[in-house]
C-alpha atoms as a PDB file:
ATOM      1  CA  MET A   1      19.564 -17.626   6.534  1.00  0.00           C
ATOM      2  CA  GLU A   2      18.283 -16.741   9.966  1.00  0.00           C
ATOM      3  CA  THR A   3      15.949 -13.776  10.294  1.00  0.00           C
ATOM      4  CA  THR A   4      16.778 -11.366  13.079  1.00  0.00           C
ATOM      5  CA  ILE A   5      14.218  -9.763  15.356  1.00  0.00           C
ATOM      6  CA  ASP A   6      14.820  -6.410  13.638  1.00  0.00           C
ATOM      7  CA  GLU A   7      14.215  -7.951  10.224  1.00  0.00           C
ATOM      8  CA  LYS A   8      10.984  -9.527  11.457  1.00  0.00           C
ATOM      9  CA  GLU A   9       9.762  -6.155  12.730  1.00  0.00           C
ATOM     10  CA  ILE A  10      10.728  -4.455   9.470  1.00  0.00           C
ATOM     11  CA  LYS A  11       8.936  -7.163   7.476  1.00  0.00           C
ATOM     12  CA  LYS A  12       5.868  -6.737   9.670  1.00  0.00           C
ATOM     13  CA  THR A  13       5.889  -2.964   9.111  1.00  0.00           C
ATOM     14  CA  PHE A  14       6.431  -3.505   5.393  1.00  0.00           C
ATOM     15  CA  ALA A  15       3.474  -5.888   5.216  1.00  0.00           C
ATOM     16  CA  GLY A  16       1.324  -3.239   6.889  1.00  0.00           C
ATOM     17  CA  CYS A  17       2.413  -0.645   4.331  1.00  0.00           C
ATOM     18  CA  LYS A  18       1.584  -2.984   1.461  1.00  0.00           C
ATOM     19  CA  ARG A  19      -1.752  -3.878   3.039  1.00  0.00           C
ATOM     20  CA  LYS A  20      -2.641  -0.167   3.212  1.00  0.00           C
ATOM     21  CA  VAL A  21      -2.009   0.197  -0.541  1.00  0.00           C
ATOM     22  CA  VAL A  22      -4.103  -2.877  -1.310  1.00  0.00           C
ATOM     23  CA  GLU A  23      -6.980  -1.643   0.864  1.00  0.00           C
ATOM     24  CA  ILE A  24      -7.075   1.696  -0.945  1.00  0.00           C
ATOM     25  CA  ALA A  25      -6.882  -0.106  -4.298  1.00  0.00           C
ATOM     26  CA  GLY A  26      -9.829  -2.219  -3.139  1.00  0.00           C
ATOM     27  CA  GLU A  27     -11.834   0.932  -2.505  1.00  0.00           C
ATOM     28  CA  ILE A  28     -11.052   2.120  -6.016  1.00  0.00           C
ATOM     29  CA  HIS A  29     -12.020  -1.277  -7.413  1.00  0.00           C
ATOM     30  CA  ASP A  30     -15.344  -1.193  -5.578  1.00  0.00           C
ATOM     31  CA  ILE A  31     -16.126   2.272  -6.907  1.00  0.00           C
ATOM     32  CA  VAL A  32     -15.237   1.308 -10.473  1.00  0.00           C
ATOM     33  CA  GLU A  33     -17.242  -1.882 -10.254  1.00  0.00           C
ATOM     34  CA  ASP A  34     -20.296  -0.683  -8.327  1.00  0.00           C
ATOM     35  CA  THR A  35     -20.687   3.053  -7.833  1.00  0.00           C
ATOM     36  CA  ILE A  36     -18.684   4.834 -10.523  1.00  0.00           C
ATOM     37  CA  TRP A  37     -21.624   7.064 -11.466  1.00  0.00           C
ATOM     38  CA  THR A  38     -22.024   8.441  -7.966  1.00  0.00           C
ATOM     39  CA  ASP A  39     -18.570   8.145  -6.404  1.00  0.00           C
ATOM     40  CA  TYR A  40     -16.273   9.017  -9.301  1.00  0.00           C
ATOM     41  CA  ASP A  41     -15.233  12.207  -7.504  1.00  0.00           C
ATOM     42  CA  ARG A  42     -13.502  10.082  -4.825  1.00  0.00           C
ATOM     43  CA  LEU A  43     -11.115   8.547  -7.359  1.00  0.00           C
ATOM     44  CA  PRO A  44      -8.554  11.399  -7.477  1.00  0.00           C
ATOM     45  CA  ILE A  45      -8.406  11.487  -3.673  1.00  0.00           C
ATOM     46  CA  LEU A  46      -7.949   7.726  -3.426  1.00  0.00           C
ATOM     47  CA  SER A  47      -5.373   7.809  -6.214  1.00  0.00           C
ATOM     48  CA  GLN A  48      -3.337  10.341  -4.248  1.00  0.00           C
ATOM     49  CA  LYS A  49      -3.620   8.166  -1.154  1.00  0.00           C
ATOM     50  CA  ILE A  50      -2.186   5.228  -3.103  1.00  0.00           C
ATOM     51  CA  GLN A  51       0.690   7.350  -4.347  1.00  0.00           C
ATOM     52  CA  ASP A  52       1.436   8.516  -0.802  1.00  0.00           C
ATOM     53  CA  ALA A  53       1.201   5.005   0.640  1.00  0.00           C
ATOM     54  CA  MET A  54       3.391   3.593  -2.128  1.00  0.00           C
ATOM     55  CA  GLN A  55       6.157   5.999  -1.146  1.00  0.00           C
ATOM     56  CA  ASP A  56       6.506   4.103   2.131  1.00  0.00           C
ATOM     57  CA  VAL A  57       6.700   0.790   0.260  1.00  0.00           C
ATOM     58  CA  ILE A  58       9.275   2.139  -2.191  1.00  0.00           C
ATOM     59  CA  ARG A  59      11.339   3.738   0.583  1.00  0.00           C
ATOM     60  CA  MET A  60      11.402   0.558   2.651  1.00  0.00           C
ATOM     61  CA  ARG A  61      12.404  -1.554  -0.353  1.00  0.00           C
ATOM     62  CA  SER A  62      15.274   0.811  -1.122  1.00  0.00           C
ATOM     63  CA  GLU A  63      16.457   0.801   2.514  1.00  0.00           C
ATOM     64  CA  HIS A  64      16.229  -2.959   3.099  1.00  0.00           C
ATOM     65  CA  ASN A  65      17.557  -5.358   0.472  1.00  0.00           C
ATOM     66  CA  PHE A  66      15.714  -8.312   1.996  1.00  0.00           C
ATOM     67  CA  LEU A  67      12.325  -6.760   1.085  1.00  0.00           C
ATOM     68  CA  SER A  68      12.286  -7.712  -2.572  1.00  0.00           C
END
């Protein structure tokens, strides 16, 4: 199956959305692993950021069947 230019752009945008989620998760991981005793108060904020960023991922998956 040939990928159209639009599909390539959508996949690129989707990859960026997923990367944003992973970067925030990495921040959480670093806090849990290294600085939990001093930075625990950042966890709820970062958790909300993941939830917000995941909405873009979920929305794009529901709009575009080829993003499975």
